[in-house]
Amino acid sequence: MRSRLALAAGGILLLGGGAIAIILSTGGDPGPGPDAPPPEVSARSVPAPIPLGPVPGIGPDGQLVAVEAAPPVEYGPGPVLPDPESWEAVPTAARPNRLGAIGPVMANELNELQPRLALCFDEENQARHGHLLVSRPLDGRTAQESGVTLLVLLLEMQPGQIRIADAPVESQGKASDGLVACAQRILRGHVIPTPAVGAPGRARLIFPLNP
């Protein structure tokens, strides 16, 4: 009986000594339990990114050479939008049939004006109008020189009529200032009565100046 008690006491002493040894080896901290939250990672423990140097390339001799990175792209300012109230903000139609309901009216009226406009090609008429001011693009740009004489008809619409406010040059081509001034004088302020217009509006129309 005494031997059994001695053996039991010895086992208890061995277990207690082993537990004390484990605690001493871990600094007295048995570690987080199974339900403990994961340890926090501080910013200092995250390694900083390593900056990349010049990208290597292959030289003419087949050897690796350092290639300097291209400088950053610098973008210029974007396009300047016209004033919504200006003529430049009004869409331009290339032909009368792009003007909707007033297209046939404009096409017919311009045909009616053609005999008067053809007189501007006479040299004497050009000389007579050579001193008049020629209307240029309203946005201040230089008129194109495509070889074809083009005017831009600025159309002001009111109920019952269309008025050509002006006809600045889009492309003067080979036409003289006298010829252009003569045509502009005929077109500028010309009023076209028509029931096709029921509300105020504006439009622009490209008009080729032909003899």
N, C-alpha and C. Protein backbone atom coordinates (compact mmCIF):
# COMPACT_ATOMS: atom_id res chain seq x y z
N MET A 1 0.83 -1.19 0.00
CA MET A 1 0.00 0.00 0.00
C MET A 1 0.86 1.24 0.00
N ARG A 2 1.86 1.25 0.91
CA ARG A 2 2.76 2.40 0.96
C ARG A 2 3.53 2.57 -0.34
N SER A 3 3.84 1.47 -1.02
CA SER A 3 4.59 1.57 -2.29
C SER A 3 3.75 2.23 -3.37
N ARG A 4 2.43 1.96 -3.35
CA ARG A 4 1.54 2.57 -4.36
C ARG A 4 1.42 4.07 -4.12
N LEU A 5 1.33 4.44 -2.84
CA LEU A 5 1.25 5.87 -2.55
C LEU A 5 2.52 6.57 -2.93
N ALA A 6 3.65 5.89 -2.72
CA ALA A 6 4.93 6.51 -3.10
C ALA A 6 5.03 6.68 -4.60
N LEU A 7 4.55 5.65 -5.35
CA LEU A 7 4.59 5.76 -6.82
C LEU A 7 3.68 6.89 -7.30
N ALA A 8 2.49 7.05 -6.72
CA ALA A 8 1.57 8.11 -7.13
C ALA A 8 2.14 9.48 -6.82
N ALA A 9 2.73 9.62 -5.63
CA ALA A 9 3.34 10.91 -5.29
C ALA A 9 4.49 11.25 -6.22
N GLY A 10 5.25 10.22 -6.60
CA GLY A 10 6.37 10.47 -7.53
C GLY A 10 5.88 10.91 -8.89
N GLY A 11 4.75 10.32 -9.37
CA GLY A 11 4.20 10.73 -10.68
C GLY A 11 3.72 12.16 -10.66
N ILE A 12 3.07 12.55 -9.49
CA ILE A 12 2.59 13.92 -9.39
C ILE A 12 3.75 14.89 -9.41
N LEU A 13 4.82 14.56 -8.71
CA LEU A 13 6.00 15.43 -8.70
C LEU A 13 6.62 15.55 -10.09
N LEU A 14 6.63 14.43 -10.84
CA LEU A 14 7.18 14.47 -12.22
C LEU A 14 6.34 15.37 -13.12
N LEU A 15 4.99 15.27 -13.03
CA LEU A 15 4.13 16.11 -13.88
C LEU A 15 4.27 17.57 -13.51
N GLY A 16 4.32 17.87 -12.20
CA GLY A 16 4.48 19.25 -11.79
C GLY A 16 5.81 19.82 -12.23
N GLY A 17 6.85 19.01 -12.15
CA GLY A 17 8.16 19.50 -12.61
C GLY A 17 8.19 19.75 -14.11
N GLY A 18 7.53 18.86 -14.89
CA GLY A 18 7.48 19.08 -16.34
C GLY A 18 6.74 20.34 -16.71
N ALA A 19 5.61 20.61 -16.01
CA ALA A 19 4.86 21.84 -16.28
C ALA A 19 5.66 23.07 -15.96
N ILE A 20 6.38 23.02 -14.82
CA ILE A 20 7.22 24.17 -14.45
C ILE A 20 8.31 24.39 -15.48
N ALA A 21 8.88 23.30 -16.00
CA ALA A 21 9.94 23.43 -17.01
C ALA A 21 9.42 24.06 -18.29
N ILE A 22 8.19 23.69 -18.69
CA ILE A 22 7.61 24.25 -19.92
C ILE A 22 7.34 25.73 -19.75
N ILE A 23 6.81 26.12 -18.58
CA ILE A 23 6.52 27.53 -18.32
C ILE A 23 7.79 28.34 -18.31
N LEU A 24 8.83 27.80 -17.67
CA LEU A 24 10.10 28.53 -17.65
C LEU A 24 10.70 28.67 -19.04
N SER A 25 10.55 27.64 -19.90
CA SER A 25 11.14 27.71 -21.25
C SER A 25 10.41 28.67 -22.16
N THR A 26 9.13 28.95 -21.91
CA THR A 26 8.34 29.89 -22.74
C THR A 26 8.23 31.25 -22.12
N GLY A 27 9.00 31.52 -21.08
CA GLY A 27 8.95 32.83 -20.44
C GLY A 27 7.72 33.05 -19.61
N GLY A 28 7.04 32.02 -19.27
CA GLY A 28 5.86 32.17 -18.42
C GLY A 28 4.59 32.45 -19.18
N ASP A 29 4.65 32.57 -20.53
CA ASP A 29 3.47 32.86 -21.34
C ASP A 29 3.06 31.62 -22.08
N PRO A 30 1.94 31.03 -21.73
CA PRO A 30 1.55 29.78 -22.40
C PRO A 30 1.09 29.99 -23.84
N GLY A 31 1.01 31.28 -24.36
CA GLY A 31 0.60 31.54 -25.74
C GLY A 31 -0.89 31.70 -25.84
N PRO A 32 -1.36 32.27 -26.98
CA PRO A 32 -2.80 32.51 -27.15
C PRO A 32 -3.58 31.24 -27.22
N GLY A 33 -4.78 31.34 -26.73
CA GLY A 33 -5.66 30.19 -26.79
C GLY A 33 -6.24 30.02 -28.18
N PRO A 34 -7.02 28.98 -28.42
CA PRO A 34 -7.61 28.72 -29.75
C PRO A 34 -8.59 29.78 -30.19
N ASP A 35 -9.20 30.51 -29.20
CA ASP A 35 -10.18 31.54 -29.54
C ASP A 35 -9.59 32.94 -29.57
N ALA A 36 -8.28 33.08 -29.39
CA ALA A 36 -7.67 34.40 -29.35
C ALA A 36 -7.64 35.01 -30.75
N PRO A 37 -7.81 36.36 -30.90
CA PRO A 37 -7.75 37.01 -32.25
C PRO A 37 -6.35 36.94 -32.81
N PRO A 38 -6.23 36.99 -34.15
CA PRO A 38 -4.89 36.96 -34.75
C PRO A 38 -4.09 38.17 -34.36
N PRO A 39 -2.81 38.03 -34.29
CA PRO A 39 -1.94 39.16 -33.88
C PRO A 39 -2.00 40.28 -34.91
N GLU A 40 -1.94 41.53 -34.42
CA GLU A 40 -1.94 42.69 -35.31
C GLU A 40 -0.57 42.86 -35.95
N VAL A 41 -0.62 43.27 -37.26
CA VAL A 41 0.63 43.50 -37.98
C VAL A 41 0.83 45.00 -38.10
N SER A 42 1.86 45.51 -37.53
CA SER A 42 2.13 46.94 -37.58
C SER A 42 2.72 47.33 -38.92
N ALA A 43 2.62 48.64 -39.24
CA ALA A 43 3.16 49.12 -40.52
C ALA A 43 4.66 48.94 -40.58
N ARG A 44 5.32 48.93 -39.41
CA ARG A 44 6.77 48.78 -39.42
C ARG A 44 7.20 47.39 -39.83
N SER A 45 6.29 46.42 -39.61
CA SER A 45 6.67 45.04 -39.93
C SER A 45 6.53 44.73 -41.41
N VAL A 46 5.84 45.65 -42.21
CA VAL A 46 5.68 45.42 -43.65
C VAL A 46 6.88 46.00 -44.38
N PRO A 47 7.57 45.21 -45.18
CA PRO A 47 8.77 45.73 -45.86
C PRO A 47 8.41 46.79 -46.89
N ALA A 48 9.20 47.84 -46.99
CA ALA A 48 8.98 48.92 -47.95
C ALA A 48 9.24 48.42 -49.36
N PRO A 49 8.48 48.93 -50.39
CA PRO A 49 8.74 48.50 -51.77
C PRO A 49 10.13 48.92 -52.22
N ILE A 50 10.71 48.06 -53.01
CA ILE A 50 12.05 48.33 -53.52
C ILE A 50 11.93 49.12 -54.82
N PRO A 51 12.46 50.34 -54.90
CA PRO A 51 12.35 51.12 -56.15
C PRO A 51 13.07 50.43 -57.29
N LEU A 52 12.41 50.46 -58.45
CA LEU A 52 12.99 49.84 -59.64
C LEU A 52 13.96 50.81 -60.31
N GLY A 53 15.06 50.32 -60.70
CA GLY A 53 16.04 51.13 -61.40
C GLY A 53 15.77 51.15 -62.89
N PRO A 54 16.71 51.58 -63.68
CA PRO A 54 16.53 51.58 -65.13
C PRO A 54 16.24 50.20 -65.67
N VAL A 55 15.34 50.12 -66.63
CA VAL A 55 14.98 48.84 -67.24
C VAL A 55 16.11 48.38 -68.16
N PRO A 56 16.58 47.15 -67.98
CA PRO A 56 17.68 46.70 -68.85
C PRO A 56 17.19 46.45 -70.26
N GLY A 57 18.05 46.69 -71.21
CA GLY A 57 17.77 46.41 -72.60
C GLY A 57 18.96 45.72 -73.24
N ILE A 58 18.84 45.40 -74.51
CA ILE A 58 19.90 44.70 -75.24
C ILE A 58 20.53 45.67 -76.22
N GLY A 59 21.83 45.88 -76.09
CA GLY A 59 22.55 46.79 -76.96
C GLY A 59 22.85 46.18 -78.31
N PRO A 60 23.49 46.95 -79.19
CA PRO A 60 23.82 46.42 -80.53
C PRO A 60 24.75 45.22 -80.48
N ASP A 61 25.60 45.13 -79.43
CA ASP A 61 26.52 44.00 -79.32
C ASP A 61 25.91 42.81 -78.62
N GLY A 62 24.63 42.85 -78.31
CA GLY A 62 23.99 41.72 -77.65
C GLY A 62 24.12 41.72 -76.15
N GLN A 63 24.78 42.72 -75.58
CA GLN A 63 24.96 42.80 -74.15
C GLN A 63 23.83 43.61 -73.52
N LEU A 64 23.56 43.30 -72.24
CA LEU A 64 22.55 44.05 -71.52
C LEU A 64 23.05 45.45 -71.21
N VAL A 65 22.24 46.42 -71.48
CA VAL A 65 22.58 47.80 -71.18
C VAL A 65 21.42 48.41 -70.41
N ALA A 66 21.71 49.41 -69.61
CA ALA A 66 20.68 50.09 -68.84
C ALA A 66 19.94 51.08 -69.72
N VAL A 67 18.62 51.03 -69.68
CA VAL A 67 17.77 51.94 -70.46
C VAL A 67 17.05 52.85 -69.47
N GLU A 68 17.26 54.15 -69.62
CA GLU A 68 16.62 55.09 -68.72
C GLU A 68 15.11 55.13 -69.00
N ALA A 69 14.36 55.23 -67.93
CA ALA A 69 12.90 55.32 -68.09
C ALA A 69 12.53 56.60 -68.83
N ALA A 70 11.48 56.51 -69.64
CA ALA A 70 11.02 57.67 -70.41
C ALA A 70 10.44 58.72 -69.46
N PRO A 71 10.61 59.99 -69.79
CA PRO A 71 10.04 61.05 -68.93
C PRO A 71 8.52 60.98 -68.96
N PRO A 72 7.87 61.45 -67.92
CA PRO A 72 6.39 61.42 -67.90
C PRO A 72 5.81 62.26 -69.03
N VAL A 73 4.68 61.79 -69.55
CA VAL A 73 4.01 62.47 -70.65
C VAL A 73 3.28 63.69 -70.09
N GLU A 74 3.49 64.84 -70.70
CA GLU A 74 2.82 66.06 -70.30
C GLU A 74 1.77 66.42 -71.35
N TYR A 75 0.54 66.47 -70.92
CA TYR A 75 -0.57 66.76 -71.82
C TYR A 75 -0.88 68.25 -71.79
N GLY A 76 -1.11 68.81 -72.97
CA GLY A 76 -1.44 70.22 -73.06
C GLY A 76 -2.90 70.46 -72.69
N PRO A 77 -3.31 71.69 -72.67
CA PRO A 77 -4.70 71.99 -72.33
C PRO A 77 -5.66 71.44 -73.38
N GLY A 78 -6.85 71.08 -72.95
CA GLY A 78 -7.86 70.55 -73.86
C GLY A 78 -8.41 71.63 -74.77
N PRO A 79 -9.23 71.23 -75.75
CA PRO A 79 -9.80 72.21 -76.68
C PRO A 79 -10.72 73.17 -75.95
N VAL A 80 -10.71 74.41 -76.40
CA VAL A 80 -11.56 75.44 -75.80
C VAL A 80 -12.93 75.40 -76.48
N LEU A 81 -13.95 75.17 -75.69
CA LEU A 81 -15.30 75.11 -76.24
C LEU A 81 -15.83 76.52 -76.51
N PRO A 82 -16.55 76.70 -77.62
CA PRO A 82 -17.08 78.04 -77.93
C PRO A 82 -18.18 78.44 -76.97
N ASP A 83 -18.40 79.72 -76.90
CA ASP A 83 -19.49 80.25 -76.09
C ASP A 83 -20.82 79.71 -76.62
N PRO A 84 -21.67 79.12 -75.75
CA PRO A 84 -22.93 78.56 -76.24
C PRO A 84 -23.80 79.57 -76.98
N GLU A 85 -23.61 80.86 -76.71
CA GLU A 85 -24.42 81.89 -77.37
C GLU A 85 -23.79 82.37 -78.68
N SER A 86 -22.59 81.91 -79.01
CA SER A 86 -21.91 82.38 -80.21
C SER A 86 -22.34 81.58 -81.43
N TRP A 87 -22.01 82.12 -82.61
CA TRP A 87 -22.32 81.41 -83.85
C TRP A 87 -21.47 80.14 -83.98
N GLU A 88 -20.27 80.14 -83.39
CA GLU A 88 -19.40 78.98 -83.50
C GLU A 88 -20.00 77.75 -82.83
N ALA A 89 -20.92 77.97 -81.88
CA ALA A 89 -21.55 76.84 -81.20
C ALA A 89 -22.72 76.26 -81.99
N VAL A 90 -23.11 76.91 -83.09
CA VAL A 90 -24.23 76.44 -83.90
C VAL A 90 -23.72 75.42 -84.92
N PRO A 91 -24.33 74.23 -85.01
CA PRO A 91 -23.89 73.24 -85.99
C PRO A 91 -23.97 73.78 -87.41
N THR A 92 -23.02 73.33 -88.25
CA THR A 92 -22.95 73.77 -89.65
C THR A 92 -23.43 72.66 -90.56
N ALA A 93 -24.35 72.99 -91.44
CA ALA A 93 -24.85 72.02 -92.42
C ALA A 93 -24.05 72.15 -93.71
N ALA A 94 -23.66 71.01 -94.28
CA ALA A 94 -22.88 71.03 -95.51
C ALA A 94 -23.75 71.29 -96.74
N ARG A 95 -25.03 70.93 -96.65
CA ARG A 95 -25.95 71.12 -97.78
C ARG A 95 -27.32 71.53 -97.24
N PRO A 96 -28.16 72.19 -98.07
CA PRO A 96 -29.48 72.62 -97.59
C PRO A 96 -30.34 71.48 -97.07
N ASN A 97 -30.20 70.28 -97.67
CA ASN A 97 -31.07 69.19 -97.24
C ASN A 97 -30.75 68.70 -95.83
N ARG A 98 -29.68 69.23 -95.22
CA ARG A 98 -29.35 68.89 -93.83
C ARG A 98 -30.00 69.87 -92.84
N LEU A 99 -30.80 70.81 -93.35
CA LEU A 99 -31.43 71.82 -92.51
C LEU A 99 -32.85 71.48 -92.11
N GLY A 100 -33.30 70.29 -92.42
CA GLY A 100 -34.66 69.90 -92.05
C GLY A 100 -35.71 70.58 -92.89
N ALA A 101 -36.74 71.11 -92.23
CA ALA A 101 -37.89 71.67 -92.96
C ALA A 101 -37.53 72.89 -93.78
N ILE A 102 -36.52 73.65 -93.36
CA ILE A 102 -36.18 74.87 -94.13
C ILE A 102 -35.19 74.56 -95.25
N GLY A 103 -34.76 73.32 -95.37
CA GLY A 103 -33.79 72.96 -96.42
C GLY A 103 -34.30 73.27 -97.82
N PRO A 104 -35.48 72.79 -98.22
CA PRO A 104 -35.98 73.10 -99.57
C PRO A 104 -36.17 74.59 -99.78
N VAL A 105 -36.57 75.32 -98.73
CA VAL A 105 -36.75 76.76 -98.87
C VAL A 105 -35.43 77.44 -99.18
N MET A 106 -34.36 77.07 -98.46
CA MET A 106 -33.05 77.68 -98.69
C MET A 106 -32.50 77.30 -100.06
N ALA A 107 -32.66 76.05 -100.44
CA ALA A 107 -32.15 75.62 -101.75
C ALA A 107 -32.83 76.41 -102.87
N ASN A 108 -34.14 76.59 -102.79
CA ASN A 108 -34.86 77.33 -103.82
C ASN A 108 -34.45 78.80 -103.83
N GLU A 109 -34.29 79.41 -102.64
CA GLU A 109 -33.94 80.83 -102.58
C GLU A 109 -32.54 81.09 -103.11
N LEU A 110 -31.60 80.20 -102.79
CA LEU A 110 -30.23 80.38 -103.28
C LEU A 110 -30.18 80.23 -104.80
N ASN A 111 -31.01 79.37 -105.34
CA ASN A 111 -31.10 79.27 -106.81
C ASN A 111 -31.64 80.57 -107.40
N GLU A 112 -32.61 81.19 -106.73
CA GLU A 112 -33.17 82.44 -107.21
C GLU A 112 -32.13 83.57 -107.17
N LEU A 113 -31.21 83.50 -106.19
CA LEU A 113 -30.18 84.54 -106.05
C LEU A 113 -28.99 84.33 -106.98
N GLN A 114 -28.88 83.17 -107.60
CA GLN A 114 -27.70 82.85 -108.39
C GLN A 114 -27.42 83.84 -109.53
N PRO A 115 -28.42 84.30 -110.29
CA PRO A 115 -28.11 85.28 -111.36
C PRO A 115 -27.48 86.56 -110.81
N ARG A 116 -27.92 87.04 -109.64
CA ARG A 116 -27.33 88.25 -109.06
C ARG A 116 -25.91 87.97 -108.56
N LEU A 117 -25.71 86.79 -107.98
CA LEU A 117 -24.38 86.44 -107.48
C LEU A 117 -23.39 86.26 -108.63
N ALA A 118 -23.87 85.78 -109.78
CA ALA A 118 -22.97 85.57 -110.93
C ALA A 118 -22.40 86.89 -111.43
N LEU A 119 -23.10 88.00 -111.23
CA LEU A 119 -22.59 89.31 -111.67
C LEU A 119 -21.34 89.72 -110.89
N CYS A 120 -21.17 89.15 -109.69
CA CYS A 120 -19.99 89.51 -108.89
C CYS A 120 -18.70 89.00 -109.53
N PHE A 121 -18.78 88.05 -110.45
CA PHE A 121 -17.57 87.53 -111.08
C PHE A 121 -17.07 88.46 -112.18
N ASP A 122 -17.87 89.46 -112.54
CA ASP A 122 -17.42 90.45 -113.51
C ASP A 122 -16.30 91.30 -112.91
N GLU A 123 -15.25 91.53 -113.67
CA GLU A 123 -14.08 92.24 -113.15
C GLU A 123 -14.42 93.65 -112.71
N GLU A 124 -15.31 94.32 -113.45
CA GLU A 124 -15.69 95.68 -113.06
C GLU A 124 -16.43 95.69 -111.72
N ASN A 125 -17.30 94.70 -111.53
CA ASN A 125 -18.00 94.61 -110.25
C ASN A 125 -17.04 94.29 -109.10
N GLN A 126 -16.05 93.45 -109.38
CA GLN A 126 -15.06 93.14 -108.35
C GLN A 126 -14.27 94.38 -107.96
N ALA A 127 -13.89 95.16 -108.98
CA ALA A 127 -13.14 96.39 -108.69
C ALA A 127 -14.01 97.38 -107.93
N ARG A 128 -15.31 97.43 -108.24
CA ARG A 128 -16.21 98.36 -107.57
C ARG A 128 -16.40 98.01 -106.09
N HIS A 129 -16.31 96.71 -105.76
CA HIS A 129 -16.51 96.26 -104.38
C HIS A 129 -15.19 95.97 -103.68
N GLY A 130 -14.09 96.26 -104.33
CA GLY A 130 -12.79 95.90 -103.75
C GLY A 130 -12.47 96.66 -102.48
N HIS A 131 -13.08 97.82 -102.25
CA HIS A 131 -12.78 98.61 -101.05
C HIS A 131 -13.63 98.19 -99.85
N LEU A 132 -14.62 97.31 -100.08
CA LEU A 132 -15.51 96.92 -98.98
C LEU A 132 -14.84 95.89 -98.07
N LEU A 133 -15.24 95.91 -96.82
CA LEU A 133 -14.69 94.98 -95.84
C LEU A 133 -15.27 93.58 -96.07
N VAL A 134 -14.38 92.58 -96.08
CA VAL A 134 -14.81 91.19 -96.25
C VAL A 134 -15.00 90.55 -94.89
N SER A 135 -16.14 89.89 -94.68
CA SER A 135 -16.39 89.20 -93.42
C SER A 135 -15.54 87.93 -93.35
N ARG A 136 -14.79 87.82 -92.28
CA ARG A 136 -13.92 86.67 -92.06
C ARG A 136 -14.52 85.76 -90.99
N PRO A 137 -13.91 84.59 -90.72
CA PRO A 137 -14.43 83.71 -89.67
C PRO A 137 -14.55 84.45 -88.34
N LEU A 138 -15.66 84.25 -87.66
CA LEU A 138 -15.94 84.99 -86.44
C LEU A 138 -15.05 84.57 -85.29
N ASP A 139 -14.47 83.36 -85.34
CA ASP A 139 -13.64 82.90 -84.24
C ASP A 139 -12.21 83.39 -84.35
N GLY A 140 -11.91 84.24 -85.35
CA GLY A 140 -10.58 84.82 -85.48
C GLY A 140 -9.58 83.97 -86.23
N ARG A 141 -9.95 82.75 -86.65
CA ARG A 141 -8.99 81.92 -87.37
C ARG A 141 -8.86 82.39 -88.81
N THR A 142 -7.80 81.95 -89.47
CA THR A 142 -7.57 82.31 -90.87
C THR A 142 -8.42 81.43 -91.77
N ALA A 143 -9.03 82.02 -92.78
CA ALA A 143 -9.85 81.24 -93.71
C ALA A 143 -8.99 80.23 -94.46
N GLN A 144 -9.58 79.09 -94.75
CA GLN A 144 -8.88 78.06 -95.50
C GLN A 144 -8.63 78.53 -96.93
N GLU A 145 -7.63 77.90 -97.55
CA GLU A 145 -7.32 78.20 -98.96
C GLU A 145 -7.34 76.89 -99.73
N SER A 146 -8.52 76.30 -99.87
CA SER A 146 -8.63 74.98 -100.49
C SER A 146 -8.79 75.05 -102.00
N GLY A 147 -8.86 76.26 -102.58
CA GLY A 147 -9.08 76.37 -104.02
C GLY A 147 -10.53 76.57 -104.37
N VAL A 148 -11.43 76.28 -103.41
CA VAL A 148 -12.86 76.46 -103.62
C VAL A 148 -13.33 77.61 -102.74
N THR A 149 -14.16 78.51 -103.30
CA THR A 149 -14.65 79.63 -102.53
C THR A 149 -15.92 79.21 -101.80
N LEU A 150 -15.84 79.21 -100.47
CA LEU A 150 -16.97 78.79 -99.65
C LEU A 150 -17.31 79.90 -98.66
N LEU A 151 -18.59 80.18 -98.53
CA LEU A 151 -19.09 81.10 -97.52
C LEU A 151 -19.92 80.30 -96.51
N VAL A 152 -20.06 80.85 -95.32
CA VAL A 152 -20.92 80.23 -94.30
C VAL A 152 -22.10 81.17 -94.07
N LEU A 153 -23.29 80.75 -94.46
CA LEU A 153 -24.48 81.56 -94.27
C LEU A 153 -24.96 81.43 -92.83
N LEU A 154 -25.02 82.55 -92.13
CA LEU A 154 -25.52 82.57 -90.75
C LEU A 154 -27.01 82.89 -90.80
N LEU A 155 -27.84 81.90 -90.50
CA LEU A 155 -29.28 82.00 -90.68
C LEU A 155 -29.97 82.25 -89.34
N GLU A 156 -30.69 83.36 -89.27
CA GLU A 156 -31.51 83.67 -88.10
C GLU A 156 -32.97 83.41 -88.46
N MET A 157 -33.61 82.56 -87.66
CA MET A 157 -34.99 82.18 -87.96
C MET A 157 -35.94 82.78 -86.94
N GLN A 158 -37.00 83.39 -87.44
CA GLN A 158 -38.11 83.90 -86.65
C GLN A 158 -39.40 83.35 -87.26
N PRO A 159 -40.46 83.27 -86.48
CA PRO A 159 -41.71 82.74 -87.05
C PRO A 159 -42.09 83.43 -88.35
N GLY A 160 -42.12 82.64 -89.43
CA GLY A 160 -42.54 83.16 -90.73
C GLY A 160 -41.43 83.66 -91.61
N GLN A 161 -40.14 83.61 -91.17
CA GLN A 161 -39.08 84.12 -92.04
C GLN A 161 -37.71 83.58 -91.64
N ILE A 162 -36.79 83.66 -92.60
CA ILE A 162 -35.37 83.34 -92.40
C ILE A 162 -34.57 84.56 -92.86
N ARG A 163 -33.63 84.97 -92.06
CA ARG A 163 -32.79 86.12 -92.41
C ARG A 163 -31.33 85.67 -92.43
N ILE A 164 -30.61 86.03 -93.52
CA ILE A 164 -29.18 85.74 -93.61
C ILE A 164 -28.45 86.88 -92.88
N ALA A 165 -27.98 86.61 -91.67
CA ALA A 165 -27.33 87.65 -90.87
C ALA A 165 -25.99 88.05 -91.46
N ASP A 166 -25.23 87.09 -91.98
CA ASP A 166 -23.93 87.37 -92.58
C ASP A 166 -23.49 86.15 -93.37
N ALA A 167 -22.38 86.29 -94.09
CA ALA A 167 -21.86 85.19 -94.91
C ALA A 167 -20.33 85.22 -94.87
N PRO A 168 -19.71 85.00 -93.70
CA PRO A 168 -18.25 85.06 -93.61
C PRO A 168 -17.58 83.99 -94.46
N VAL A 169 -16.32 84.27 -94.79
CA VAL A 169 -15.55 83.37 -95.66
C VAL A 169 -15.13 82.13 -94.88
N GLU A 170 -15.35 80.97 -95.45
CA GLU A 170 -14.82 79.71 -94.92
C GLU A 170 -13.57 79.31 -95.68
N SER A 171 -13.60 79.49 -97.01
CA SER A 171 -12.44 79.24 -97.87
C SER A 171 -12.52 80.20 -99.04
N GLN A 172 -11.53 81.08 -99.15
CA GLN A 172 -11.59 82.09 -100.21
C GLN A 172 -11.09 81.56 -101.54
N GLY A 173 -10.23 80.55 -101.48
CA GLY A 173 -9.72 79.99 -102.73
C GLY A 173 -9.02 81.05 -103.57
N LYS A 174 -9.35 81.13 -104.85
CA LYS A 174 -8.74 82.09 -105.75
C LYS A 174 -9.60 83.35 -105.95
N ALA A 175 -10.68 83.44 -105.24
CA ALA A 175 -11.58 84.59 -105.40
C ALA A 175 -10.93 85.84 -104.82
N SER A 176 -11.14 86.97 -105.46
CA SER A 176 -10.61 88.23 -104.97
C SER A 176 -11.48 88.76 -103.84
N ASP A 177 -10.95 89.71 -103.09
CA ASP A 177 -11.74 90.32 -102.03
C ASP A 177 -12.95 91.04 -102.59
N GLY A 178 -12.81 91.63 -103.78
CA GLY A 178 -13.93 92.33 -104.40
C GLY A 178 -15.06 91.38 -104.74
N LEU A 179 -14.72 90.19 -105.25
CA LEU A 179 -15.75 89.21 -105.58
C LEU A 179 -16.48 88.77 -104.32
N VAL A 180 -15.72 88.45 -103.27
CA VAL A 180 -16.34 87.98 -102.03
C VAL A 180 -17.18 89.08 -101.40
N ALA A 181 -16.67 90.30 -101.39
CA ALA A 181 -17.41 91.42 -100.79
C ALA A 181 -18.72 91.66 -101.55
N CYS A 182 -18.68 91.53 -102.87
CA CYS A 182 -19.89 91.70 -103.67
C CYS A 182 -20.94 90.66 -103.31
N ALA A 183 -20.53 89.39 -103.20
CA ALA A 183 -21.48 88.32 -102.85
C ALA A 183 -22.01 88.51 -101.43
N GLN A 184 -21.15 88.90 -100.51
CA GLN A 184 -21.59 89.11 -99.14
C GLN A 184 -22.60 90.26 -99.06
N ARG A 185 -22.39 91.27 -99.88
CA ARG A 185 -23.32 92.41 -99.87
C ARG A 185 -24.71 91.98 -100.32
N ILE A 186 -24.79 91.06 -101.27
CA ILE A 186 -26.09 90.57 -101.75
C ILE A 186 -26.75 89.66 -100.70
N LEU A 187 -25.95 88.82 -100.04
CA LEU A 187 -26.49 87.83 -99.11
C LEU A 187 -26.81 88.43 -97.74
N ARG A 188 -25.98 89.33 -97.28
CA ARG A 188 -26.12 89.86 -95.92
C ARG A 188 -27.44 90.63 -95.76
N GLY A 189 -28.24 90.22 -94.79
CA GLY A 189 -29.51 90.90 -94.50
C GLY A 189 -30.67 90.43 -95.36
N HIS A 190 -30.44 89.49 -96.28
CA HIS A 190 -31.51 89.01 -97.16
C HIS A 190 -32.54 88.23 -96.33
N VAL A 191 -33.81 88.58 -96.52
CA VAL A 191 -34.90 87.96 -95.76
C VAL A 191 -35.71 87.06 -96.68
N ILE A 192 -36.03 85.87 -96.19
CA ILE A 192 -36.80 84.89 -96.96
C ILE A 192 -38.10 84.60 -96.21
N PRO A 193 -39.22 85.10 -96.68
CA PRO A 193 -40.49 84.77 -96.02
C PRO A 193 -40.84 83.30 -96.26
N THR A 194 -41.25 82.61 -95.20
CA THR A 194 -41.61 81.20 -95.34
C THR A 194 -42.43 80.74 -94.15
N PRO A 195 -43.49 79.96 -94.38
CA PRO A 195 -44.26 79.41 -93.26
C PRO A 195 -43.57 78.20 -92.63
N ALA A 196 -42.42 77.79 -93.17
CA ALA A 196 -41.74 76.61 -92.64
C ALA A 196 -41.12 76.86 -91.27
N VAL A 197 -40.99 78.14 -90.90
CA VAL A 197 -40.39 78.47 -89.60
C VAL A 197 -41.50 78.83 -88.62
N GLY A 198 -41.57 78.08 -87.53
CA GLY A 198 -42.58 78.36 -86.54
C GLY A 198 -42.04 78.85 -85.22
N ALA A 199 -40.73 78.76 -85.03
CA ALA A 199 -40.12 79.16 -83.76
C ALA A 199 -38.75 79.76 -84.03
N PRO A 200 -38.25 80.61 -83.12
CA PRO A 200 -36.92 81.19 -83.31
C PRO A 200 -35.84 80.11 -83.28
N GLY A 201 -34.76 80.38 -84.00
CA GLY A 201 -33.64 79.45 -84.04
C GLY A 201 -32.52 80.00 -84.89
N ARG A 202 -31.43 79.25 -84.93
CA ARG A 202 -30.28 79.65 -85.73
C ARG A 202 -29.71 78.41 -86.41
N ALA A 203 -29.06 78.65 -87.55
CA ALA A 203 -28.42 77.56 -88.28
C ALA A 203 -27.28 78.16 -89.12
N ARG A 204 -26.37 77.30 -89.50
CA ARG A 204 -25.27 77.71 -90.40
C ARG A 204 -25.25 76.77 -91.60
N LEU A 205 -24.98 77.34 -92.77
CA LEU A 205 -25.00 76.57 -94.01
C LEU A 205 -23.79 76.93 -94.86
N ILE A 206 -23.05 75.90 -95.29
CA ILE A 206 -21.93 76.09 -96.21
C ILE A 206 -22.50 76.40 -97.60
N PHE A 207 -21.99 77.49 -98.20
CA PHE A 207 -22.49 77.90 -99.51
C PHE A 207 -21.32 78.10 -100.46
N PRO A 208 -21.20 77.25 -101.50
CA PRO A 208 -20.13 77.44 -102.50
C PRO A 208 -20.46 78.60 -103.42
N LEU A 209 -19.49 79.47 -103.62
CA LEU A 209 -19.70 80.64 -104.47
C LEU A 209 -19.18 80.30 -105.87
N ASN A 210 -20.11 80.03 -106.76
CA ASN A 210 -19.78 79.65 -108.14
C ASN A 210 -20.38 80.65 -109.12
N PRO A 211 -19.74 80.84 -110.29
CA PRO A 211 -20.28 81.76 -111.31
C PRO A 211 -21.57 81.21 -111.94
